[in-house]
Protein backbone atom coordinates (compact mmCIF):
# COMPACT_ATOMS: atom_id res chain seq x y z
CA MET A 1 -121.80 -87.38 -50.98
CA SER A 2 -124.32 -86.50 -53.66
CA HIS A 3 -126.99 -83.88 -54.11
CA SER A 4 -129.62 -86.61 -54.37
CA LEU A 5 -128.78 -87.97 -50.91
CA LEU A 6 -128.78 -84.55 -49.24
CA SER A 7 -131.95 -83.58 -51.08
CA SER A 8 -133.71 -86.75 -49.94
CA TRP A 9 -132.71 -86.00 -46.36
CA GLU A 10 -133.82 -82.37 -46.54
CA TYR A 11 -137.18 -83.47 -47.95
CA LEU A 12 -137.57 -85.81 -44.97
CA TYR A 13 -136.45 -83.11 -42.56
CA LYS A 14 -139.10 -80.70 -43.86
CA ALA A 15 -141.90 -83.23 -44.42
CA SER A 16 -145.23 -82.72 -42.68
CA ASP A 17 -146.64 -85.47 -40.47
CA GLU A 18 -148.86 -86.59 -43.35
CA TYR A 19 -145.90 -87.32 -45.62
CA TYR A 20 -143.22 -88.20 -43.08
CA THR A 21 -143.50 -91.99 -43.38
CA SER A 22 -143.21 -92.03 -47.17
CA ALA A 23 -140.41 -89.46 -47.03
CA TYR A 24 -138.56 -91.57 -44.47
CA ASP A 25 -138.95 -94.73 -46.56
CA SER A 26 -137.64 -92.90 -49.61
CA PHE A 27 -134.67 -91.53 -47.68
CA ILE A 28 -133.76 -94.96 -46.26
CA LYS A 29 -133.77 -96.41 -49.78
CA THR A 30 -131.50 -93.61 -50.97
CA LEU A 31 -129.22 -94.02 -47.95
CA ASN A 32 -128.95 -97.75 -48.69
CA ARG A 33 -128.42 -97.04 -52.39
CA ILE A 34 -131.42 -99.12 -53.38
CA ALA A 35 -132.39 -98.33 -56.95
CA SER A 36 -136.02 -97.42 -57.47
CA GLU A 37 -138.09 -97.82 -60.62
CA PRO A 38 -138.23 -94.49 -62.45
CA THR A 39 -141.52 -92.69 -62.00
CA PRO A 40 -143.49 -91.28 -64.95
CA ALA A 41 -142.28 -87.80 -63.93
CA MET A 42 -138.66 -88.95 -63.99
CA MET A 43 -139.12 -90.59 -67.40
CA ALA A 44 -140.72 -87.43 -68.78
CA GLY A 45 -137.84 -85.35 -67.43
CA ARG A 46 -135.29 -87.60 -69.13
CA GLU A 47 -137.19 -87.42 -72.41
CA PHE A 48 -137.30 -83.63 -72.25
CA GLU A 49 -133.58 -83.34 -71.42
CA GLN A 50 -132.74 -85.66 -74.32
CA LEU A 51 -134.85 -83.51 -76.64
CA VAL A 52 -132.96 -80.40 -75.54
CA SER A 53 -129.63 -82.21 -75.99
CA ASP A 54 -130.57 -83.39 -79.47
CA ILE A 55 -131.56 -79.88 -80.56
CA ALA A 56 -128.45 -78.28 -79.06
CA SER A 57 -126.23 -80.89 -80.70
CA GLY A 58 -127.87 -80.61 -84.11
CA ARG A 59 -129.34 -84.10 -84.12
CA PRO A 60 -132.67 -84.66 -85.90
CA VAL A 61 -135.79 -84.39 -83.77
CA ASP A 62 -139.51 -84.91 -84.23
CA ALA A 63 -140.80 -81.58 -85.52
CA THR A 64 -144.23 -82.34 -84.04
CA HIS A 65 -143.00 -83.18 -80.53
CA LYS A 66 -145.34 -81.70 -77.94
CA TRP A 67 -142.44 -80.21 -75.95
CA LEU A 68 -140.51 -78.83 -78.91
CA PHE A 69 -141.23 -75.15 -78.17
CA GLY A 70 -139.83 -75.20 -74.64
CA ALA A 71 -136.93 -77.45 -75.64
CA ASN A 72 -135.98 -75.05 -78.42
CA ASP A 73 -135.95 -72.11 -76.00
CA ILE A 74 -133.63 -73.92 -73.59
CA ALA A 75 -131.42 -75.22 -76.42
CA ASP A 76 -130.97 -71.62 -77.63
CA ILE A 77 -129.77 -70.57 -74.16
CA ILE A 78 -127.39 -73.52 -73.98
CA MET A 79 -125.97 -73.11 -77.50
CA ASP A 80 -125.21 -69.45 -76.78
CA ASN A 81 -123.39 -70.13 -73.50
CA CYS A 82 -122.24 -73.70 -72.94
CA THR A 83 -119.28 -75.83 -73.90
CA LEU A 84 -119.71 -79.03 -71.86
CA GLU A 85 -122.72 -81.34 -71.47
CA GLN A 86 -123.19 -83.96 -68.73
CA ALA A 87 -119.84 -83.10 -67.12
CA ARG A 88 -118.99 -85.47 -64.26
CA VAL A 89 -117.18 -83.73 -61.41
CA SER A 90 -115.90 -84.79 -58.00
CA LYS A 91 -113.93 -83.22 -55.17
CA GLU A 92 -112.85 -84.08 -51.66
CA MET A 93 -114.10 -81.90 -48.80
CA THR A 94 -113.32 -82.25 -45.11
CA VAL A 95 -116.09 -81.31 -42.68
CA ASN A 96 -115.62 -81.69 -38.90
CA GLY A 97 -112.67 -84.01 -39.46
CA THR A 98 -114.48 -86.32 -41.87
CA THR A 99 -113.40 -86.37 -45.51
CA TYR A 100 -116.23 -86.65 -48.02
CA LEU A 101 -116.05 -87.20 -51.75
CA LEU A 102 -118.58 -84.86 -53.32
CA TYR A 103 -119.71 -85.65 -56.84
CA GLY A 104 -122.29 -84.65 -59.38
CA VAL A 105 -123.20 -84.47 -63.05
CA LEU A 106 -123.66 -81.00 -64.53
CA ASP A 107 -126.32 -80.78 -67.24
CA TRP A 108 -124.44 -77.98 -68.98
CA ILE A 109 -121.61 -75.59 -68.13
CA GLY A 110 -119.86 -72.72 -69.89
CA GLY A 111 -118.35 -69.35 -69.08
CA GLY A 112 -118.48 -69.92 -65.34
CA VAL A 113 -122.22 -70.68 -65.41
CA ILE A 114 -123.83 -74.04 -64.60
CA TYR A 115 -127.22 -74.74 -66.19
CA ASP A 116 -129.63 -77.37 -64.90
CA ILE A 117 -132.84 -78.40 -66.65
CA LYS A 118 -135.93 -79.07 -64.56
CA PHE A 119 -139.00 -80.46 -66.32
CA LYS A 120 -142.36 -79.88 -64.63
CA GLN A 121 -145.45 -80.93 -66.52
CA ASN A 122 -147.58 -79.00 -64.02
CA LEU A 123 -146.15 -75.52 -63.63
CA GLY A 124 -149.08 -74.71 -61.36
CA SER A 125 -147.17 -76.41 -58.55
CA TYR A 126 -144.06 -74.29 -59.20
CA ASN A 127 -143.28 -70.97 -57.54
CA ILE A 128 -140.39 -68.66 -58.33
CA GLY A 129 -137.82 -69.19 -55.59
CA ASP A 130 -138.62 -72.87 -55.03
CA TYR A 131 -134.94 -73.71 -55.54
CA TYR A 132 -133.55 -70.95 -53.34
CA ASP A 133 -131.89 -73.18 -50.73
CA ASN A 134 -131.67 -76.30 -52.90
CA THR A 135 -128.66 -78.49 -52.17
CA GLN A 136 -127.94 -78.90 -55.88
CA HIS A 137 -126.49 -75.51 -56.72
CA ARG A 138 -124.81 -75.32 -53.32
CA ILE A 139 -122.98 -78.63 -53.76
CA TYR A 140 -122.14 -77.83 -57.40
CA PHE A 141 -120.56 -74.51 -56.40
CA ALA A 142 -118.34 -76.50 -54.02
CA LEU A 143 -117.47 -78.89 -56.86
CA VAL A 144 -116.64 -76.30 -59.53
CA ASP A 145 -114.34 -73.54 -58.29
CA GLY A 146 -114.61 -71.58 -61.55
CA ALA A 147 -118.41 -71.35 -61.52
CA ASP A 148 -120.00 -68.39 -59.78
CA THR A 149 -123.53 -68.59 -61.24
CA PHE A 150 -126.08 -71.41 -61.35
CA VAL A 151 -129.21 -71.20 -63.51
CA TYR A 152 -132.19 -73.52 -63.20
CA LEU A 153 -134.13 -73.71 -66.47
CA ILE A 154 -137.63 -74.85 -65.53
CA SER A 155 -140.10 -75.82 -68.24
CA ASN A 156 -143.30 -77.72 -68.95
CA GLY A 157 -142.31 -78.03 -72.60
CA ARG A 158 -144.03 -74.79 -73.53
CA ARG A 159 -142.93 -72.07 -71.12
CA VAL A 160 -139.48 -71.60 -69.60
CA TYR A 161 -138.64 -69.98 -66.28
CA ARG A 162 -135.19 -69.16 -64.94
CA GLU A 163 -133.95 -69.13 -61.38
CA THR A 164 -130.45 -67.74 -61.07
CA TYR A 165 -128.24 -67.97 -57.99
CA THR A 166 -124.71 -66.78 -57.35
CA ARG A 167 -122.06 -68.32 -55.16
CA GLN A 168 -122.02 -65.27 -52.88
CA GLU A 169 -125.72 -65.52 -51.93
CA CYS A 170 -125.69 -69.23 -51.10
CA ARG A 171 -125.35 -70.95 -47.77
CA PRO A 172 -122.17 -73.09 -47.88
CA ILE A 173 -122.87 -76.77 -48.41
CA GLU A 174 -120.50 -77.57 -45.53
CA GLN A 175 -123.19 -76.43 -43.09
CA THR A 176 -125.72 -78.90 -44.50
CA ILE A 177 -123.19 -81.75 -44.55
CA ALA A 178 -122.33 -81.07 -40.89
CA ASP A 179 -126.03 -81.08 -39.95
CA PHE A 180 -126.57 -84.27 -41.95
CA GLU A 181 -123.70 -86.05 -40.20
CA GLN A 182 -125.00 -85.01 -36.78
CA TRP A 183 -128.52 -86.21 -37.66
CA LEU A 184 -127.28 -89.59 -38.89
CA LYS A 185 -125.33 -90.13 -35.68
CA CYS A 186 -128.29 -89.06 -33.55
CA TYR A 187 -130.58 -91.59 -35.28
CA ASN A 188 -127.98 -94.39 -35.35
CA LEU A 189 -127.67 -94.31 -39.13
CA TRP A 190 -124.05 -93.19 -39.39
CA ASP A 191 -122.79 -96.76 -39.77
CA VAL A 192 -125.23 -97.35 -42.61
CA TYR A 193 -123.96 -94.26 -44.38
CA THR A 194 -120.28 -95.12 -43.98
CA ALA A 195 -120.89 -98.70 -45.15
CA LYS A 196 -122.98 -97.83 -48.20
CA TRP A 197 -121.22 -94.65 -49.32
CA ILE A 198 -117.58 -95.57 -48.73
CA VAL A 199 -115.31 -94.73 -51.67
CA LYS A 200 -113.77 -97.95 -52.97
């Protein structure tokens, strides 16, 4: 069980009629573990995260890079607080009698705080609180017992915003997993999930 799968489902669940078909198609591809070509936004996000990583790790970077200012700001936060980059974590969780293997990759972690970088070229479409009920920090809290704070670092390469959430204020991920399981069974997709996401 990954954040990306739950996030894809929640996007479908909340989609308006106008976007439902495309959201459903995207969810079905994710459910079937069909790899999609990375979008320009995804490629830009990877480039920005690599720039931050290079700065934080002391590797040489292009001093004229258009996103250098925002990357430097995030690298400063990370270098002051973090010890591990791209940490892969997994954990078993039983919900309603079904055992799931939760897993994820943490951008950065240190001192009980998980940091996740979000790159948005158009900050005009971003509002503070957009990540409030996001499945990412909720599933990562379940994965990392020693982490009590999750910080989203949102940037367009120039400005940086923070959204900070604590374990105590979050809805347990178990509730979403239970709802997800019920939905899959209701729409006859449970067998697809168990076939495609079985742990081998």
